[in-house]
């Protein structure tokens, strides 16, 4: 049985977590980005399919390539972020299932079933994006996830010629509290849930 984590850790991951829009200009080392991926990769996905793929935008050249693909309201905060993770999902994830899920011939479940494969890639890639955000927060980074960008443009610029599609962007770094909006309300359990 899994035990509850420390309340401070729980607050770091959820209750105190905020979407950051302003950043302290401190570098996010490549080694820390590697650590985030190392932590998140252990979290479960369906048949261990692991479709998420990552491009970390840090260099001036990569930022210049990303900038025109952002919605206007996302430009300044993304250009100011020390790093931006482009999180995509591989539509051909099943090619790796013989290695990742040797317990069964799971690849055969997806080959020739494009709709099922695409939905599975998107669903599990999104799950991995959420794991990524939790891992980043657990390792001391602040996050600014967003979906306001030109997916086709990002795919062409960063995943050209492959089978990976962009899903979400996550700005990463050390957030400046001055850039936070007032805390927005959340639904209560009664608003969104029931026990059947």
Foldseek 3Di string as FASTA:
>chain_A
DDDDDDPVLVCLLPVVAAAFQAADPDADDPVLVVQLCVQLLPDDAVLSLPFKDKDKDADPVSLVLFQVFFDPVNRPSQVRFNIKIFIWGFLQSLVCSCVRRVVDNCSVVDVVPSVVSVVRRLVRSVVSVSSSQSSLSSSPKHKHKDDGGRFVSCCCRPVNPHRITTDIMIRIHHHDVVRGDPDDDDDDCVVPHDDD
